[in-house]
Amino acid sequence: MYDIKAETLHDWWEVEALYDLCFAPGREALSSYRLRDGVSPVADLCLVARDEALILAGAIRYWPIYVGQVPALLLGPVAVHPTRQGEGLGGLLIHQSLEIAASLGWERVILVGDAPYYSRFGFVKLDHVEMPPPTNPERVLGYPLLPNAWDGVSGRVRRFV
């Protein structure tokens, strides 16, 4: 059983350490991190999952962005501690955060990730959306929080300023 709550300032260093553990060195050099530079995450959607001993087991963050002129959410990173992987915690964090995002009035979510993993949550490849290079276009995926939320949305993804 996990206790899932909004990330606080007290969680920040521990979450960063989890991301460092779960992702390759140099993760902050990825183009998706350029979209986060100088932008605050969406606090209500940044969640942490702790076990009964209050040990951090997983975390997820979201960032506001624009696709062309249309606002959207950038999901990521999402990470689960290696000792907790395979328990469904990543899926739980994704499902719960998407529900919260919809309740807050957001319409669409984008991420850069593996289609075989994220398609089970309803993410699909976005053909007319361009992430900053050197992102592989096959890994640019979207999820509509409202029906048809991605219809007619195209263009370059840029920072929310």
Protein backbone atom coordinates (compact mmCIF):
# COMPACT_ATOMS: atom_id res chain seq x y z
CA MET A 1 0.00 0.00 0.00
CA TYR A 2 1.29 3.43 -0.95
CA ASP A 3 0.45 6.86 0.33
CA ILE A 4 0.29 9.21 -2.66
CA LYS A 5 0.45 12.92 -1.96
CA ALA A 6 1.48 16.14 -3.63
CA GLU A 7 5.23 16.68 -3.66
CA THR A 8 6.42 19.28 -1.17
CA LEU A 9 9.63 21.31 -0.93
CA HIS A 10 10.81 18.78 1.66
CA ASP A 11 10.53 16.00 -0.95
CA TRP A 12 12.51 17.79 -3.66
CA TRP A 13 16.02 16.44 -3.00
CA GLU A 14 14.76 12.93 -2.41
CA VAL A 15 12.78 13.01 -5.67
CA GLU A 16 15.81 14.32 -7.56
CA ALA A 17 17.90 11.48 -6.11
CA LEU A 18 15.26 8.98 -7.29
CA TYR A 19 15.37 10.45 -10.79
CA ASP A 20 19.18 10.25 -10.77
CA LEU A 21 18.95 6.60 -9.73
CA CYS A 22 16.35 5.66 -12.35
CA PHE A 23 17.63 7.57 -15.37
CA ALA A 24 20.91 7.65 -17.25
CA PRO A 25 23.55 10.23 -16.36
CA GLY A 26 22.99 13.44 -18.26
CA ARG A 27 19.19 13.20 -18.12
CA GLU A 28 19.01 16.97 -17.75
CA ALA A 29 20.66 17.40 -21.15
CA LEU A 30 17.55 16.01 -22.88
CA SER A 31 15.52 18.44 -24.96
CA SER A 32 12.48 17.99 -22.70
CA TYR A 33 14.49 19.57 -19.87
CA ARG A 34 14.94 22.73 -21.97
CA LEU A 35 11.15 23.08 -21.85
CA ARG A 36 11.34 23.05 -18.04
CA ASP A 37 14.12 25.62 -17.65
CA GLY A 38 12.87 28.56 -15.61
CA VAL A 39 9.33 27.16 -15.45
CA SER A 40 7.70 25.92 -12.26
CA PRO A 41 6.08 22.50 -12.38
CA VAL A 42 2.33 22.18 -11.90
CA ALA A 43 2.42 21.64 -8.14
CA ASP A 44 -0.96 19.87 -7.86
CA LEU A 45 0.22 17.25 -10.36
CA CYS A 46 3.65 16.54 -8.90
CA LEU A 47 3.05 13.47 -6.78
CA VAL A 48 5.16 11.26 -4.54
CA ALA A 49 4.36 7.74 -3.41
CA ARG A 50 5.69 6.51 -0.08
CA ASP A 51 5.44 3.09 1.50
CA GLU A 52 4.41 2.25 5.08
CA ALA A 53 7.91 3.16 6.30
CA LEU A 54 7.64 6.55 4.51
CA ILE A 55 10.34 5.53 2.02
CA LEU A 56 9.98 7.21 -1.36
CA ALA A 57 8.91 4.56 -3.87
CA GLY A 58 7.90 6.70 -6.85
CA ALA A 59 7.36 10.20 -8.17
CA ILE A 60 5.80 11.99 -11.11
CA ARG A 61 5.96 15.60 -12.30
CA TYR A 62 4.14 17.72 -14.88
CA TRP A 63 5.08 21.01 -16.55
CA PRO A 64 3.01 23.54 -18.46
CA ILE A 65 3.97 23.95 -22.12
CA TYR A 66 2.52 25.17 -25.40
CA VAL A 67 2.00 23.13 -28.55
CA GLY A 68 1.86 25.85 -31.15
CA GLN A 69 -0.41 28.34 -29.38
CA VAL A 70 -2.32 25.73 -27.36
CA PRO A 71 -1.56 25.00 -23.68
CA ALA A 72 -0.77 21.45 -22.66
CA LEU A 73 0.94 19.47 -19.93
CA LEU A 74 4.33 17.82 -20.32
CA LEU A 75 4.36 14.60 -18.28
CA GLY A 76 7.70 13.63 -16.87
CA PRO A 77 9.69 12.48 -15.38
CA VAL A 78 7.91 9.56 -13.77
CA ALA A 79 10.07 7.13 -11.85
CA VAL A 80 9.68 4.13 -9.58
CA HIS A 81 12.49 2.93 -7.33
CA PRO A 82 14.13 -0.17 -8.85
CA THR A 83 13.13 -2.27 -5.82
CA ARG A 84 9.46 -1.34 -6.41
CA GLN A 85 9.25 -1.72 -10.18
CA GLY A 86 6.77 -4.24 -11.50
CA GLU A 87 4.23 -3.56 -8.75
CA GLY A 88 2.06 -1.21 -10.84
CA LEU A 89 3.14 1.93 -9.00
CA GLY A 90 4.09 3.81 -12.17
CA GLY A 91 0.67 3.11 -13.62
CA LEU A 92 -1.00 4.19 -10.40
CA LEU A 93 0.88 7.51 -10.44
CA ILE A 94 0.00 8.07 -14.10
CA HIS A 95 -3.70 7.24 -13.69
CA GLN A 96 -4.12 9.30 -10.53
CA SER A 97 -2.28 12.32 -11.94
CA LEU A 98 -4.26 12.24 -15.20
CA GLU A 99 -7.50 12.24 -13.21
CA ILE A 100 -6.30 15.23 -11.20
CA ALA A 101 -5.19 17.04 -14.38
CA ALA A 102 -8.64 16.58 -15.90
CA SER A 103 -10.32 17.82 -12.72
CA LEU A 104 -8.14 20.95 -12.84
CA GLY A 105 -9.36 21.77 -16.34
CA TRP A 106 -6.33 20.75 -18.39
CA GLU A 107 -7.24 19.36 -21.81
CA ARG A 108 -4.20 17.48 -23.11
CA VAL A 109 -0.95 15.82 -22.03
CA ILE A 110 2.21 15.18 -24.02
CA LEU A 111 5.29 13.12 -23.21
CA VAL A 112 8.39 11.67 -24.78
CA GLY A 113 8.45 7.95 -24.09
CA ASP A 114 8.06 4.37 -25.19
CA ALA A 115 4.78 3.83 -27.05
CA PRO A 116 4.45 0.17 -25.97
CA TYR A 117 4.46 1.22 -22.30
CA TYR A 118 2.39 4.40 -22.49
CA SER A 119 -0.19 3.13 -25.00
CA ARG A 120 -1.77 1.03 -22.24
CA PHE A 121 -2.75 4.32 -20.57
CA GLY A 122 -4.25 5.70 -23.78
CA PHE A 123 -1.28 7.68 -25.12
CA VAL A 124 -0.91 7.75 -28.90
CA LYS A 125 1.74 9.04 -31.29
CA LEU A 126 1.30 12.71 -32.19
CA ASP A 127 2.06 13.20 -35.88
CA HIS A 128 1.77 16.99 -36.14
CA VAL A 129 3.58 17.96 -32.96
CA GLU A 130 7.28 18.79 -33.02
CA MET A 131 9.41 18.49 -29.89
CA PRO A 132 12.71 20.37 -29.86
CA PRO A 133 15.55 18.37 -31.42
CA PRO A 134 17.06 15.87 -31.03
CA THR A 135 13.80 14.18 -29.97
CA ASN A 136 12.79 11.07 -31.91
CA PRO A 137 9.32 11.90 -33.38
CA GLU A 138 8.21 8.28 -32.85
CA ARG A 139 8.44 8.87 -29.09
CA VAL A 140 6.22 11.99 -28.99
CA LEU A 141 2.95 10.79 -27.47
CA GLY A 142 -0.24 12.50 -26.41
CA TYR A 143 -3.24 11.85 -24.23
CA PRO A 144 -6.55 13.71 -24.47
CA LEU A 145 -8.05 14.65 -21.11
CA LEU A 146 -11.18 15.72 -23.01
CA PRO A 147 -12.60 14.01 -26.10
CA ASN A 148 -10.84 15.15 -29.27
CA ALA A 149 -8.53 17.46 -27.31
CA TRP A 150 -5.68 16.82 -29.77
CA ASP A 151 -7.80 17.35 -32.91
CA GLY A 152 -6.31 20.17 -34.96
CA VAL A 153 -3.46 20.77 -32.51
CA SER A 154 -0.10 21.00 -34.25
CA GLY A 155 3.16 22.86 -34.15
CA ARG A 156 6.32 23.12 -32.19
CA VAL A 157 6.36 22.45 -28.47
CA ARG A 158 7.71 25.41 -26.52
CA ARG A 159 8.20 26.63 -22.99
CA PHE A 160 5.32 28.06 -21.03
CA VAL A 161 6.22 31.71 -20.49
